[in-house]
């Protein structure tokens, strides 16, 4: 189903019910965007704190990225990286 064949909400009909629903969705998204900005600021503060304590921010970001991955996916990526490094004489 493409965007042109999707049913559209009747924004003008039924006493503005659809318009009110749309407004509620928009306001929810706006609140979530505010929360997201606040959380991003908190993360930035924590990163600055750990950097101030002598930790390497780049290494911590790498660890965070790796912890999100499935164990087998991470092992596969590490094996490919090791293979490429060996091919280039880097290990």
Protein backbone atom coordinates (compact mmCIF):
# COMPACT_ATOMS: atom_id res chain seq x y z
CA UNK A 1 0.00 0.00 0.00
CA UNK A 2 1.54 3.33 -0.99
CA UNK A 3 1.00 6.75 0.55
CA UNK A 4 -1.51 7.73 -2.14
CA UNK A 5 -3.85 4.81 -1.46
CA UNK A 6 -3.85 5.13 2.33
CA UNK A 7 -7.10 6.35 3.88
CA UNK A 8 -6.93 9.88 5.22
CA UNK A 9 -8.54 11.11 8.43
CA UNK A 10 -11.44 13.49 7.95
CA UNK A 11 -10.03 16.54 9.71
CA UNK A 12 -12.98 18.83 9.03
CA UNK A 13 -15.86 16.47 9.83
CA UNK A 14 -17.53 15.26 13.04
CA UNK A 15 -17.17 18.51 14.93
CA UNK A 16 -13.38 18.59 14.69
CA UNK A 17 -12.87 15.22 16.39
CA UNK A 18 -10.15 14.16 13.94
CA UNK A 19 -8.50 17.58 14.22
CA UNK A 20 -8.44 17.25 18.00
CA UNK A 21 -6.97 13.76 17.72
CA UNK A 22 -4.29 15.07 15.35
CA UNK A 23 -3.51 17.90 17.78
CA UNK A 24 -3.13 15.36 20.60
CA UNK A 25 -0.68 13.29 18.53
CA UNK A 26 1.35 16.39 17.70
CA UNK A 27 1.46 17.46 21.35
CA UNK A 28 2.54 13.96 22.44
CA UNK A 29 5.35 13.99 19.91
CA UNK A 30 6.43 17.44 21.04
CA UNK A 31 6.58 16.28 24.69
CA UNK A 32 8.59 13.22 23.69
CA UNK A 33 10.99 15.39 21.68
CA UNK A 34 11.50 17.57 24.78
CA UNK A 35 12.19 14.49 26.90
CA UNK A 36 14.59 13.18 24.26
CA UNK A 37 16.50 16.48 24.26
CA UNK A 38 16.70 16.35 28.05
CA UNK A 39 18.02 12.80 28.02
CA UNK A 40 20.56 13.68 25.31
CA UNK A 41 21.76 16.51 27.54
CA UNK A 42 22.04 14.14 30.50
CA UNK A 43 24.10 11.70 28.42
CA UNK A 44 26.37 14.53 27.30
CA UNK A 45 26.88 15.53 30.95
CA UNK A 46 27.76 11.95 31.94
CA UNK A 47 30.23 11.69 29.05
CA UNK A 48 31.86 14.96 30.15
CA UNK A 49 32.04 13.65 33.71
CA UNK A 50 33.68 10.38 32.70
CA UNK A 51 36.13 12.27 30.47
CA UNK A 52 36.95 14.50 33.42
CA UNK A 53 37.67 11.40 35.47
CA UNK A 54 40.22 10.24 32.87
CA UNK A 55 38.16 7.74 30.86
CA UNK A 56 38.36 7.66 27.06
CA UNK A 57 34.99 8.78 25.67
CA UNK A 58 35.55 7.15 22.28
CA UNK A 59 36.28 3.79 23.91
CA UNK A 60 33.20 4.09 26.13
CA UNK A 61 31.01 4.89 23.10
CA UNK A 62 32.44 1.80 21.36
CA UNK A 63 31.64 -0.34 24.39
CA UNK A 64 28.08 1.02 24.50
CA UNK A 65 27.63 0.22 20.80
CA UNK A 66 29.04 -3.30 21.27
CA UNK A 67 26.82 -4.00 24.28
CA UNK A 68 23.74 -3.28 22.14
CA UNK A 69 24.72 -6.00 19.66
CA UNK A 70 23.76 -9.64 19.86
CA UNK A 71 26.68 -11.78 21.06
CA UNK A 72 26.91 -13.82 17.85
CA UNK A 73 26.70 -10.67 15.71
CA UNK A 74 29.53 -9.12 17.70
CA UNK A 75 31.65 -12.29 17.36
CA UNK A 76 31.08 -12.32 13.60
CA UNK A 77 32.14 -8.67 13.26
CA UNK A 78 35.22 -9.26 15.41
CA UNK A 79 36.20 -12.28 13.29
CA UNK A 80 35.85 -10.29 10.07
CA UNK A 81 37.87 -7.42 11.55
CA UNK A 82 40.60 -9.82 12.65
CA UNK A 83 40.67 -11.42 9.18
CA UNK A 84 41.01 -8.04 7.48
CA UNK A 85 43.72 -6.94 9.91
CA UNK A 86 45.67 -10.14 9.24
CA UNK A 87 45.32 -9.61 5.48
CA UNK A 88 46.82 -6.15 5.92
CA UNK A 89 49.60 -7.40 8.21
CA UNK A 90 48.26 -5.45 11.17
CA UNK A 91 48.04 -8.25 13.74
